[in-house]
């Protein structure tokens, strides 16, 4: 993840490949998702689906997957998005964007009080 964040994709890919060799299946999934081309949505979703099941993953994986799934406007998907965003905000309680997005998603499910609480938390974390 550090290599990916520092825009050192060759080193990140090598580390992810090594993790896959020595670790359990999917050990390099989050790094693979970090490096994925945003135009390859299905490949990115698949990498993120694998990453969210891994112990020690960051909050970013469920958050990013939620942003990709949110384009679908049906109740079951929105409920899944809420679950992913809840996971993201649990892993990183300071993720202001995740809190706000969670509030918007809860609101679309008609869960007003929870929505207001989540959006309020997001605004408190980043008032600007």
C-alpha atoms as a PDB file:
ATOM      1  CA  UNK A   1       0.000   0.000   0.000  1.00  0.00           C
ATOM      2  CA  UNK A   2       2.858   2.366   0.779  1.00  0.00           C
ATOM      3  CA  UNK A   3       4.410   1.775  -2.646  1.00  0.00           C
ATOM      4  CA  UNK A   4       1.038   2.421  -4.307  1.00  0.00           C
ATOM      5  CA  UNK A   5       0.528   5.610  -2.298  1.00  0.00           C
ATOM      6  CA  UNK A   6       3.982   6.825  -3.341  1.00  0.00           C
ATOM      7  CA  UNK A   7       3.141   6.140  -7.016  1.00  0.00           C
ATOM      8  CA  UNK A   8       5.677   3.325  -7.218  1.00  0.00           C
ATOM      9  CA  UNK A   9       3.432   0.902  -9.047  1.00  0.00           C
ATOM     10  CA  UNK A  10       6.152  -1.549 -10.124  1.00  0.00           C
ATOM     11  CA  UNK A  11       7.266  -2.044  -6.515  1.00  0.00           C
ATOM     12  CA  UNK A  12       3.646  -2.255  -5.344  1.00  0.00           C
ATOM     13  CA  UNK A  13       2.802  -4.926  -7.920  1.00  0.00           C
ATOM     14  CA  UNK A  14       5.909  -6.913  -6.944  1.00  0.00           C
ATOM     15  CA  UNK A  15       4.994  -6.733  -3.246  1.00  0.00           C
ATOM     16  CA  UNK A  16       1.383  -7.763  -3.980  1.00  0.00           C
ATOM     17  CA  UNK A  17       2.597 -10.704  -6.059  1.00  0.00           C
ATOM     18  CA  UNK A  18       4.945 -11.766  -3.246  1.00  0.00           C
ATOM     19  CA  UNK A  19       2.100 -11.478  -0.718  1.00  0.00           C
ATOM     20  CA  UNK A  20      -0.024 -13.735  -2.905  1.00  0.00           C
ATOM     21  CA  UNK A  21       2.783 -16.313  -3.000  1.00  0.00           C
ATOM     22  CA  UNK A  22       3.475 -16.445   0.726  1.00  0.00           C
ATOM     23  CA  UNK A  23       0.132 -15.432   2.197  1.00  0.00           C
ATOM     24  CA  UNK A  24      -3.391 -16.714   1.950  1.00  0.00           C
ATOM     25  CA  UNK A  25      -5.319 -16.142  -1.302  1.00  0.00           C
ATOM     26  CA  UNK A  26      -6.198 -12.483  -1.737  1.00  0.00           C
ATOM     27  CA  UNK A  27      -3.335 -11.182   0.388  1.00  0.00           C
ATOM     28  CA  UNK A  28      -2.415  -8.633  -2.292  1.00  0.00           C
ATOM     29  CA  UNK A  29      -5.979  -7.731  -3.293  1.00  0.00           C
ATOM     30  CA  UNK A  30      -6.071  -4.261  -1.742  1.00  0.00           C
ATOM     31  CA  UNK A  31      -2.839  -3.245  -3.463  1.00  0.00           C
ATOM     32  CA  UNK A  32      -4.198  -4.654  -6.723  1.00  0.00           C
ATOM     33  CA  UNK A  33      -7.293  -2.488  -6.234  1.00  0.00           C
ATOM     34  CA  UNK A  34      -5.168   0.571  -5.452  1.00  0.00           C
ATOM     35  CA  UNK A  35      -3.339   0.115  -8.744  1.00  0.00           C
ATOM     36  CA  UNK A  36      -6.362  -0.776 -10.866  1.00  0.00           C
ATOM     37  CA  UNK A  37      -7.329   1.440 -13.747  1.00  0.00           C
ATOM     38  CA  UNK A  38     -10.601   3.188 -12.887  1.00  0.00           C
ATOM     39  CA  UNK A  39     -11.883   2.499 -16.398  1.00  0.00           C
ATOM     40  CA  UNK A  40     -11.792  -1.257 -15.690  1.00  0.00           C
ATOM     41  CA  UNK A  41     -14.681  -1.090 -13.236  1.00  0.00           C
ATOM     42  CA  UNK A  42     -15.461  -4.801 -13.085  1.00  0.00           C
ATOM     43  CA  UNK A  43     -11.820  -5.747 -12.411  1.00  0.00           C
ATOM     44  CA  UNK A  44     -11.635  -3.042  -9.758  1.00  0.00           C
ATOM     45  CA  UNK A  45     -14.857  -4.263  -8.113  1.00  0.00           C
ATOM     46  CA  UNK A  46     -13.541  -7.843  -8.105  1.00  0.00           C
ATOM     47  CA  UNK A  47     -10.267  -6.793  -6.455  1.00  0.00           C
ATOM     48  CA  UNK A  48     -12.134  -4.741  -3.865  1.00  0.00           C
ATOM     49  CA  UNK A  49     -14.592  -7.570  -3.148  1.00  0.00           C
ATOM     50  CA  UNK A  50     -11.614  -9.765  -2.383  1.00  0.00           C
ATOM     51  CA  UNK A  51      -9.834  -7.053  -0.383  1.00  0.00           C
ATOM     52  CA  UNK A  52     -12.757  -6.389   1.989  1.00  0.00           C
ATOM     53  CA  UNK A  53     -12.615  -9.957   3.243  1.00  0.00           C
ATOM     54  CA  UNK A  54      -8.943  -9.744   4.230  1.00  0.00           C
ATOM     55  CA  UNK A  55      -7.865  -9.129   7.820  1.00  0.00           C
ATOM     56  CA  UNK A  56      -5.914  -5.925   8.228  1.00  0.00           C
ATOM     57  CA  UNK A  57      -7.440  -4.135   5.259  1.00  0.00           C
ATOM     58  CA  UNK A  58      -7.753  -0.378   5.363  1.00  0.00           C
ATOM     59  CA  UNK A  59     -10.983   1.588   5.465  1.00  0.00           C
ATOM     60  CA  UNK A  60     -10.425   2.618   1.861  1.00  0.00           C
ATOM     61  CA  UNK A  61     -11.386  -0.755   0.326  1.00  0.00           C
ATOM     62  CA  UNK A  62     -15.014  -0.861   1.565  1.00  0.00           C
ATOM     63  CA  UNK A  63     -15.369   2.892   0.947  1.00  0.00           C
ATOM     64  CA  UNK A  64     -14.132   2.636  -2.647  1.00  0.00           C
ATOM     65  CA  UNK A  65     -16.315  -0.397  -3.341  1.00  0.00           C
ATOM     66  CA  UNK A  66     -19.325   1.520  -1.983  1.00  0.00           C
ATOM     67  CA  UNK A  67     -18.610   4.398  -4.375  1.00  0.00           C
ATOM     68  CA  UNK A  68     -18.563   1.980  -7.304  1.00  0.00           C
ATOM     69  CA  UNK A  69     -21.762   0.206  -6.262  1.00  0.00           C
ATOM     70  CA  UNK A  70     -23.672   3.405  -5.513  1.00  0.00           C
ATOM     71  CA  UNK A  71     -24.275   3.993  -9.218  1.00  0.00           C
ATOM     72  CA  UNK A  72     -26.913   1.235  -9.069  1.00  0.00           C
ATOM     73  CA  UNK A  73     -30.174   2.607  -7.744  1.00  0.00           C
ATOM     74  CA  UNK A  74     -31.944  -0.274  -6.043  1.00  0.00           C
ATOM     75  CA  UNK A  75     -32.698  -0.923  -2.396  1.00  0.00           C
ATOM     76  CA  UNK A  76     -30.596  -4.079  -2.032  1.00  0.00           C
ATOM     77  CA  UNK A  77     -27.518  -2.360  -3.440  1.00  0.00           C
ATOM     78  CA  UNK A  78     -28.095   0.708  -1.267  1.00  0.00           C
ATOM     79  CA  UNK A  79     -28.313  -1.543   1.794  1.00  0.00           C
ATOM     80  CA  UNK A  80     -25.016  -3.148   0.734  1.00  0.00           C
ATOM     81  CA  UNK A  81     -23.494   0.335   0.315  1.00  0.00           C
ATOM     82  CA  UNK A  82     -24.635   1.202   3.857  1.00  0.00           C
ATOM     83  CA  UNK A  83     -22.952  -1.963   5.151  1.00  0.00           C
ATOM     84  CA  UNK A  84     -19.717  -1.145   3.351  1.00  0.00           C
ATOM     85  CA  UNK A  85     -19.727   2.443   4.577  1.00  0.00           C
ATOM     86  CA  UNK A  86     -20.429   1.278   8.122  1.00  0.00           C
ATOM     87  CA  UNK A  87     -17.408  -0.998   7.795  1.00  0.00           C
ATOM     88  CA  UNK A  88     -15.315   1.909   6.462  1.00  0.00           C
ATOM     89  CA  UNK A  89     -16.332   4.297   9.255  1.00  0.00           C
ATOM     90  CA  UNK A  90     -15.677   1.607  11.852  1.00  0.00           C
ATOM     91  CA  UNK A  91     -12.161   1.103  10.494  1.00  0.00           C
ATOM     92  CA  UNK A  92     -11.572   4.860  10.238  1.00  0.00           C
ATOM     93  CA  UNK A  93     -13.881   6.935  12.444  1.00  0.00           C
ATOM     94  CA  UNK A  94     -12.270  10.097  11.005  1.00  0.00           C
ATOM     95  CA  UNK A  95     -13.252   9.409   7.376  1.00  0.00           C
ATOM     96  CA  UNK A  96     -15.465  12.471   6.918  1.00  0.00           C
ATOM     97  CA  UNK A  97     -16.434  11.646   3.332  1.00  0.00           C
ATOM     98  CA  UNK A  98     -17.441   8.123   4.304  1.00  0.00           C
ATOM     99  CA  UNK A  99     -19.658   9.464   7.098  1.00  0.00           C
ATOM    100  CA  UNK A 100     -21.364  11.920   4.764  1.00  0.00           C
ATOM    101  CA  UNK A 101     -21.842   9.289   2.068  1.00  0.00           C
ATOM    102  CA  UNK A 102     -23.226   6.931   4.743  1.00  0.00           C
ATOM    103  CA  UNK A 103     -25.735   9.618   5.753  1.00  0.00           C
ATOM    104  CA  UNK A 104     -26.846  10.124   2.159  1.00  0.00           C
ATOM    105  CA  UNK A 105     -27.265   6.376   1.684  1.00  0.00           C
ATOM    106  CA  UNK A 106     -29.202   5.980   4.935  1.00  0.00           C
ATOM    107  CA  UNK A 107     -31.451   8.849   3.899  1.00  0.00           C
ATOM    108  CA  UNK A 108     -32.297   7.158   0.613  1.00  0.00           C
ATOM    109  CA  UNK A 109     -33.406   4.127   2.651  1.00  0.00           C
ATOM    110  CA  UNK A 110     -35.699   6.332   4.749  1.00  0.00           C
ATOM    111  CA  UNK A 111     -33.581   6.020   7.886  1.00  0.00           C
ATOM    112  CA  UNK A 112     -33.703   9.734   8.716  1.00  0.00           C
ATOM    113  CA  UNK A 113     -32.408   9.848  12.283  1.00  0.00           C
ATOM    114  CA  UNK A 114     -29.407   7.654  11.451  1.00  0.00           C
ATOM    115  CA  UNK A 115     -28.780   9.700   8.303  1.00  0.00           C
ATOM    116  CA  UNK A 116     -28.709  12.980  10.203  1.00  0.00           C
ATOM    117  CA  UNK A 117     -26.332  11.519  12.801  1.00  0.00           C
ATOM    118  CA  UNK A 118     -23.930  10.249  10.117  1.00  0.00           C
ATOM    119  CA  UNK A 119     -23.938  13.491   8.113  1.00  0.00           C
ATOM    120  CA  UNK A 120     -23.492  15.500  11.320  1.00  0.00           C
ATOM    121  CA  UNK A 121     -20.442  13.389  12.153  1.00  0.00           C
ATOM    122  CA  UNK A 122     -18.997  13.984   8.675  1.00  0.00           C
ATOM    123  CA  UNK A 123     -19.552  17.739   8.939  1.00  0.00           C
ATOM    124  CA  UNK A 124     -18.021  17.834  12.419  1.00  0.00           C
ATOM    125  CA  UNK A 125     -14.910  16.109  11.074  1.00  0.00           C
ATOM    126  CA  UNK A 126     -14.582  18.447   8.080  1.00  0.00           C
ATOM    127  CA  UNK A 127     -16.658  21.602   8.561  1.00  0.00           C
ATOM    128  CA  UNK A 128     -15.391  23.221   5.365  1.00  0.00           C
END
